[in-house]
Amino acid sequence: MHLLQKLSYYRLSGYWYPLLKDPKSSHQFKEEATFEKSFKLYRFDRELRIFILKELEKIEVAVRAEMIYTLSHWKGSNWYSDSANFHDLGKHAETLRKINLVYKKSDEDFIKAFKNNYSDLLPPSWMMLEIIPFGSLSVLYGNLKPGRSKREISHRFGLDDSTFTSWLHCLVYIRNVCAHHSRLWNKGMSIRPAAPVNPSFCWLKDSHVKSNKAYFILSILLYLLQSIDKKHQFIFRLKVLLNKYPNVDVSAMGFLLNWEQEKLWSFKPTLKQRFRIAIAQTLR
């Protein structure tokens, strides 16, 4: 009763759907189904979202920094407000309108100081890009005219600019799913991010991966981390999480049977990491 009151029947019902017999429309539970099993799925999904948000933060900060550095050198400090840098003028005007609203509402000390000391309509990109939403950042990049500076940014992350645009759009979508506490683990996404054609770093060999499932999203995060944080513990932390919840059907997340044989996902745990994985298995 406590869980139904605090989490709501409707939210929890999404996690007992996998425990229903086929056809699901009959609303008959499998013999082994329990409320505890459905709640464990809820807890796993919550921890998965938190895990993804933490890794997304590293990627988002790195993308902001790279765009600021590269485009400021190539196109000047206020490149984001110059319509000459963008191919869809209508989209740029709408993005700039949203950026202006963010600027007017910002209570950041460095923005207040800029307003008090300068008469410029907008601050330089190294200030402005720190406060705009990730979605606006994604739109700015996608709308940039093709050229060396745009390619330079995507190459920094081991991708062509078209794939990088697709992935940024995907990451914004996933960030919103996680931030709004929506079910993620077995969700069929409404977007299908592109697979890289000539990736600079290690990528998936298996071509049968569903691009609208969690496994593909996790693979995107892992790929991008190769260029951002060489000492990341992404695989280890994910395996600890999966070992903690053995009732989770990873195939519903898009994982294939041989996923651990993929070079991208190759992982040799240290003695300390093996111990932590073992602890997770005993606590489950």
Protein backbone atom coordinates (compact mmCIF):
# COMPACT_ATOMS: atom_id res chain seq x y z
CA MET A 1 0.00 0.00 0.00
CA HIS A 2 2.87 2.36 0.81
CA LEU A 3 4.47 1.85 -2.64
CA LEU A 4 1.16 2.26 -4.45
CA GLN A 5 0.52 5.51 -2.59
CA LYS A 6 4.01 6.98 -3.03
CA LEU A 7 4.80 5.79 -6.56
CA SER A 8 1.27 5.42 -7.99
CA TYR A 9 -0.46 2.39 -9.44
CA TYR A 10 0.00 3.58 -13.02
CA ARG A 11 3.78 4.10 -12.73
CA LEU A 12 4.30 0.68 -11.15
CA SER A 13 2.00 -1.08 -13.63
CA GLY A 14 4.61 -0.56 -16.36
CA TYR A 15 6.95 -2.84 -14.42
CA TRP A 16 4.57 -5.76 -14.00
CA TYR A 17 3.70 -5.81 -17.70
CA PRO A 18 6.60 -8.28 -18.40
CA LEU A 19 5.11 -10.57 -15.73
CA LEU A 20 1.81 -10.96 -17.62
CA LYS A 21 1.02 -14.05 -19.66
CA ASP A 22 0.60 -13.81 -23.42
CA PRO A 23 -1.59 -12.38 -24.74
CA LYS A 24 -1.00 -9.41 -22.45
CA SER A 25 -4.54 -8.20 -23.10
CA SER A 26 -5.86 -11.04 -20.90
CA HIS A 27 -4.28 -9.35 -17.84
CA GLN A 28 -3.37 -12.72 -16.33
CA PHE A 29 -0.10 -12.96 -14.38
CA LYS A 30 2.41 -15.76 -14.81
CA GLU A 31 2.48 -18.28 -11.95
CA GLU A 32 5.89 -17.07 -10.71
CA ALA A 33 4.93 -13.37 -10.79
CA THR A 34 5.13 -11.44 -7.51
CA PHE A 35 4.80 -7.80 -6.52
CA GLU A 36 8.39 -7.94 -5.24
CA LYS A 37 9.65 -8.93 -8.71
CA SER A 38 7.92 -6.00 -10.33
CA PHE A 39 9.26 -3.62 -7.68
CA LYS A 40 12.80 -4.92 -8.30
CA LEU A 41 12.37 -4.04 -11.97
CA TYR A 42 11.33 -0.56 -10.90
CA ARG A 43 14.40 -0.23 -8.68
CA PHE A 44 16.68 -1.48 -11.45
CA ASP A 45 15.21 1.00 -13.92
CA ARG A 46 15.69 3.84 -11.44
CA GLU A 47 19.33 2.92 -10.84
CA LEU A 48 19.90 2.53 -14.58
CA ARG A 49 18.61 6.06 -15.21
CA ILE A 50 20.83 7.49 -12.46
CA PHE A 51 23.81 5.61 -13.90
CA ILE A 52 23.14 6.97 -17.40
CA LEU A 53 22.70 10.56 -16.18
CA LYS A 54 26.08 10.45 -14.43
CA GLU A 55 27.84 9.29 -17.60
CA LEU A 56 25.86 11.71 -19.76
CA GLU A 57 27.14 14.59 -17.66
CA LYS A 58 30.74 13.87 -18.72
CA ILE A 59 29.73 13.75 -22.37
CA GLU A 60 27.58 16.89 -22.24
CA VAL A 61 30.34 18.93 -20.56
CA ALA A 62 32.89 17.69 -23.10
CA VAL A 63 30.63 18.59 -26.05
CA ARG A 64 30.04 22.09 -24.66
CA ALA A 65 33.78 22.63 -24.16
CA GLU A 66 34.68 21.38 -27.64
CA MET A 67 32.06 23.51 -29.39
CA ILE A 68 33.11 26.61 -27.45
CA TYR A 69 36.81 26.12 -28.14
CA THR A 70 36.64 25.11 -31.79
CA LEU A 71 33.93 27.46 -33.04
CA SER A 72 35.25 30.47 -31.12
CA HIS A 73 38.63 30.01 -32.82
CA TRP A 74 37.11 29.58 -36.27
CA LYS A 75 34.14 31.97 -36.16
CA GLY A 76 34.60 34.39 -33.25
CA SER A 77 33.37 34.62 -29.68
CA ASN A 78 29.67 35.11 -30.55
CA TRP A 79 29.44 32.62 -33.40
CA TYR A 80 26.16 31.20 -32.04
CA SER A 81 24.29 34.47 -32.66
CA ASP A 82 25.59 34.98 -36.23
CA SER A 83 23.02 33.64 -38.71
CA ALA A 84 25.74 33.41 -41.38
CA ASN A 85 27.06 30.29 -39.61
CA PHE A 86 23.80 28.34 -39.98
CA HIS A 87 22.00 26.84 -42.97
CA ASP A 88 18.38 26.96 -41.69
CA LEU A 89 17.75 30.60 -40.78
CA GLY A 90 14.27 29.96 -39.40
CA LYS A 91 15.52 27.26 -37.05
CA HIS A 92 18.41 29.48 -35.99
CA ALA A 93 16.07 32.39 -35.24
CA GLU A 94 13.92 30.13 -33.04
CA THR A 95 16.98 28.74 -31.24
CA LEU A 96 18.30 32.28 -30.67
CA ARG A 97 14.91 33.30 -29.26
CA LYS A 98 15.14 30.48 -26.70
CA ILE A 99 18.74 31.38 -25.90
CA ASN A 100 17.69 34.99 -25.24
CA LEU A 101 15.01 33.80 -22.81
CA VAL A 102 17.54 31.69 -20.94
CA TYR A 103 19.91 34.67 -20.80
CA LYS A 104 17.23 37.01 -19.42
CA LYS A 105 16.13 34.53 -16.74
CA SER A 106 19.59 33.38 -15.67
CA ASP A 107 20.60 34.09 -12.08
CA GLU A 108 24.19 32.88 -12.49
CA ASP A 109 26.68 35.29 -10.92
CA PHE A 110 28.85 35.43 -14.04
CA ILE A 111 25.82 36.37 -16.17
CA LYS A 112 24.78 39.07 -13.70
CA ALA A 113 28.32 40.46 -13.78
CA PHE A 114 28.30 40.51 -17.59
CA LYS A 115 24.98 42.40 -17.67
CA ASN A 116 26.31 44.94 -15.19
CA ASN A 117 29.61 45.55 -16.98
CA TYR A 118 28.87 45.21 -20.71
CA SER A 119 26.30 46.60 -23.11
CA ASP A 120 26.48 43.65 -25.54
CA LEU A 121 23.16 42.00 -26.35
CA LEU A 122 24.54 38.55 -25.54
CA PRO A 123 27.69 37.26 -23.81
CA PRO A 124 30.49 35.31 -25.57
CA SER A 125 29.93 31.62 -26.24
CA TRP A 126 32.11 30.43 -23.35
CA MET A 127 29.59 32.03 -21.02
CA MET A 128 26.36 31.49 -22.94
CA LEU A 129 26.90 27.82 -23.73
CA GLU A 130 27.33 27.09 -20.04
CA ILE A 131 23.70 27.97 -19.32
CA ILE A 132 21.68 26.93 -22.38
CA PRO A 133 19.90 23.54 -22.35
CA PHE A 134 21.58 20.54 -23.94
CA GLY A 135 18.73 20.46 -26.47
CA SER A 136 19.61 23.94 -27.74
CA LEU A 137 23.27 22.93 -27.94
CA SER A 138 22.31 19.92 -30.07
CA VAL A 139 20.22 22.08 -32.40
CA LEU A 140 23.04 24.61 -32.77
CA TYR A 141 25.46 21.91 -33.85
CA GLY A 142 23.04 20.18 -36.20
CA ASN A 143 22.18 23.50 -37.86
CA LEU A 144 25.78 24.57 -38.45
CA LYS A 145 26.78 24.91 -42.09
CA PRO A 146 29.00 22.02 -43.24
CA GLY A 147 32.66 22.86 -43.00
CA ARG A 148 35.99 22.19 -41.38
CA SER A 149 35.04 23.49 -37.93
CA LYS A 150 31.95 21.28 -37.76
CA ARG A 151 33.95 18.23 -38.86
CA GLU A 152 36.69 19.04 -36.38
CA ILE A 153 34.22 18.84 -33.49
CA SER A 154 32.71 15.50 -34.57
CA HIS A 155 36.15 14.02 -35.31
CA ARG A 156 37.17 14.88 -31.76
CA PHE A 157 34.57 12.29 -30.70
CA GLY A 158 35.51 9.79 -33.40
CA LEU A 159 32.50 10.37 -35.68
CA ASP A 160 31.44 12.05 -38.91
CA ASP A 161 29.32 15.15 -38.44
CA SER A 162 26.10 13.49 -39.65
CA THR A 163 26.35 10.64 -37.12
CA PHE A 164 27.39 13.05 -34.37
CA THR A 165 24.29 15.16 -35.07
CA SER A 166 22.12 12.04 -34.80
CA TRP A 167 23.79 10.98 -31.54
CA LEU A 168 23.44 14.41 -29.93
CA HIS A 169 19.71 14.34 -30.74
CA CYS A 170 19.52 10.85 -29.21
CA LEU A 171 21.37 11.90 -26.04
CA VAL A 172 19.02 14.85 -25.53
CA TYR A 173 16.07 12.44 -25.82
CA ILE A 174 17.60 9.98 -23.33
CA ARG A 175 18.50 12.77 -20.93
CA ASN A 176 14.86 13.90 -20.93
CA VAL A 177 13.61 10.33 -20.37
CA CYS A 178 15.93 9.95 -17.37
CA ALA A 179 15.26 13.43 -15.96
CA HIS A 180 11.49 12.86 -16.08
CA HIS A 181 11.82 9.46 -14.35
CA SER A 182 10.23 7.62 -17.27
CA ARG A 183 10.60 3.86 -17.76
CA LEU A 184 13.74 3.14 -19.77
CA TRP A 185 15.09 -0.39 -19.35
CA ASN A 186 12.85 -2.20 -21.91
CA LYS A 187 11.51 0.87 -23.69
CA GLY A 188 11.29 0.98 -27.46
CA MET A 189 12.60 4.49 -28.17
CA SER A 190 10.81 6.76 -30.60
CA ILE A 191 14.18 7.64 -32.14
CA ARG A 192 16.71 5.51 -33.99
CA PRO A 193 20.23 6.98 -33.79
CA ALA A 194 22.48 6.29 -36.77
CA ALA A 195 25.23 3.68 -36.69
CA PRO A 196 28.67 5.15 -37.49
CA VAL A 197 29.94 4.29 -40.99
CA ASN A 198 33.68 4.74 -40.39
CA PRO A 199 34.13 5.04 -36.60
CA SER A 200 37.55 6.12 -35.36
CA PHE A 201 37.24 4.06 -32.18
CA CYS A 202 36.01 0.59 -31.36
CA TRP A 203 32.32 0.06 -32.24
CA LEU A 204 29.83 -2.82 -32.38
CA LYS A 205 30.54 -5.57 -34.91
CA ASP A 206 27.09 -7.18 -34.74
CA SER A 207 24.75 -5.47 -37.21
CA HIS A 208 21.58 -7.00 -35.71
CA VAL A 209 21.46 -4.60 -32.75
CA LYS A 210 18.19 -2.69 -32.42
CA SER A 211 19.05 1.01 -32.44
CA ASN A 212 15.93 1.99 -30.47
CA LYS A 213 16.74 -0.11 -27.37
CA ALA A 214 18.77 0.58 -24.22
CA TYR A 215 21.75 -1.56 -25.30
CA PHE A 216 22.40 0.63 -28.34
CA ILE A 217 22.14 3.76 -26.19
CA LEU A 218 24.57 2.32 -23.65
CA SER A 219 26.93 1.45 -26.51
CA ILE A 220 26.79 5.07 -27.71
CA LEU A 221 27.73 6.31 -24.24
CA LEU A 222 30.57 3.80 -24.02
CA TYR A 223 31.86 4.76 -27.47
CA LEU A 224 31.92 8.49 -26.65
CA LEU A 225 33.64 7.89 -23.32
CA GLN A 226 36.59 6.37 -25.22
CA SER A 227 37.54 9.89 -26.32
CA ILE A 228 36.62 11.67 -23.07
CA ASP A 229 37.69 9.54 -20.12
CA LYS A 230 40.29 6.85 -20.78
CA LYS A 231 40.00 5.65 -17.17
CA HIS A 232 36.21 5.35 -17.15
CA GLN A 233 34.62 2.47 -15.27
CA PHE A 234 31.44 2.37 -17.36
CA ILE A 235 31.49 -1.37 -18.13
CA PHE A 236 32.40 -2.35 -14.59
CA ARG A 237 29.64 -0.22 -13.05
CA LEU A 238 27.05 -1.52 -15.49
CA LYS A 239 28.03 -5.13 -14.76
CA VAL A 240 27.75 -4.50 -11.02
CA LEU A 241 24.24 -3.14 -11.64
CA LEU A 242 23.22 -6.11 -13.82
CA ASN A 243 24.59 -8.57 -11.26
CA LYS A 244 22.60 -6.83 -8.55
CA TYR A 245 19.35 -7.52 -10.45
CA PRO A 246 19.60 -11.00 -12.02
CA ASN A 247 15.82 -11.05 -12.62
CA VAL A 248 16.21 -8.42 -15.36
CA ASP A 249 15.88 -9.85 -18.87
CA VAL A 250 18.69 -8.05 -20.70
CA SER A 251 17.35 -9.27 -24.05
CA ALA A 252 14.38 -6.93 -23.46
CA MET A 253 16.95 -4.12 -23.33
CA GLY A 254 18.29 -5.11 -26.75
CA PHE A 255 21.35 -7.02 -25.48
CA LEU A 256 22.35 -9.88 -27.78
CA LEU A 257 23.63 -13.23 -26.50
CA ASN A 258 27.21 -12.47 -27.48
CA TRP A 259 27.32 -8.87 -26.28
CA GLU A 260 30.20 -9.48 -23.88
CA GLN A 261 32.32 -10.79 -26.78
CA GLU A 262 32.05 -7.46 -28.57
CA LYS A 263 35.42 -5.69 -28.54
CA LEU A 264 33.69 -2.46 -27.50
CA TRP A 265 32.44 -4.23 -24.38
CA SER A 266 35.61 -6.21 -23.63
CA PHE A 267 36.47 -5.90 -19.97
CA LYS A 268 39.13 -7.42 -17.73
CA PRO A 269 38.25 -6.56 -14.14
CA THR A 270 40.92 -5.90 -11.55
CA LEU A 271 41.00 -7.97 -8.38
CA LYS A 272 39.20 -5.17 -6.53
CA GLN A 273 36.54 -4.97 -9.25
CA ARG A 274 36.02 -8.75 -9.24
CA PHE A 275 35.46 -8.52 -5.49
CA ARG A 276 32.85 -5.77 -5.92
CA ILE A 277 31.05 -7.76 -8.63
CA ALA A 278 31.01 -10.78 -6.32
CA ILE A 279 29.57 -8.64 -3.50
CA ALA A 280 26.81 -7.45 -5.83
CA GLN A 281 25.99 -11.07 -6.68
CA THR A 282 25.73 -12.08 -3.01
CA LEU A 283 23.54 -9.09 -2.12
CA ARG A 284 21.01 -9.60 -4.91
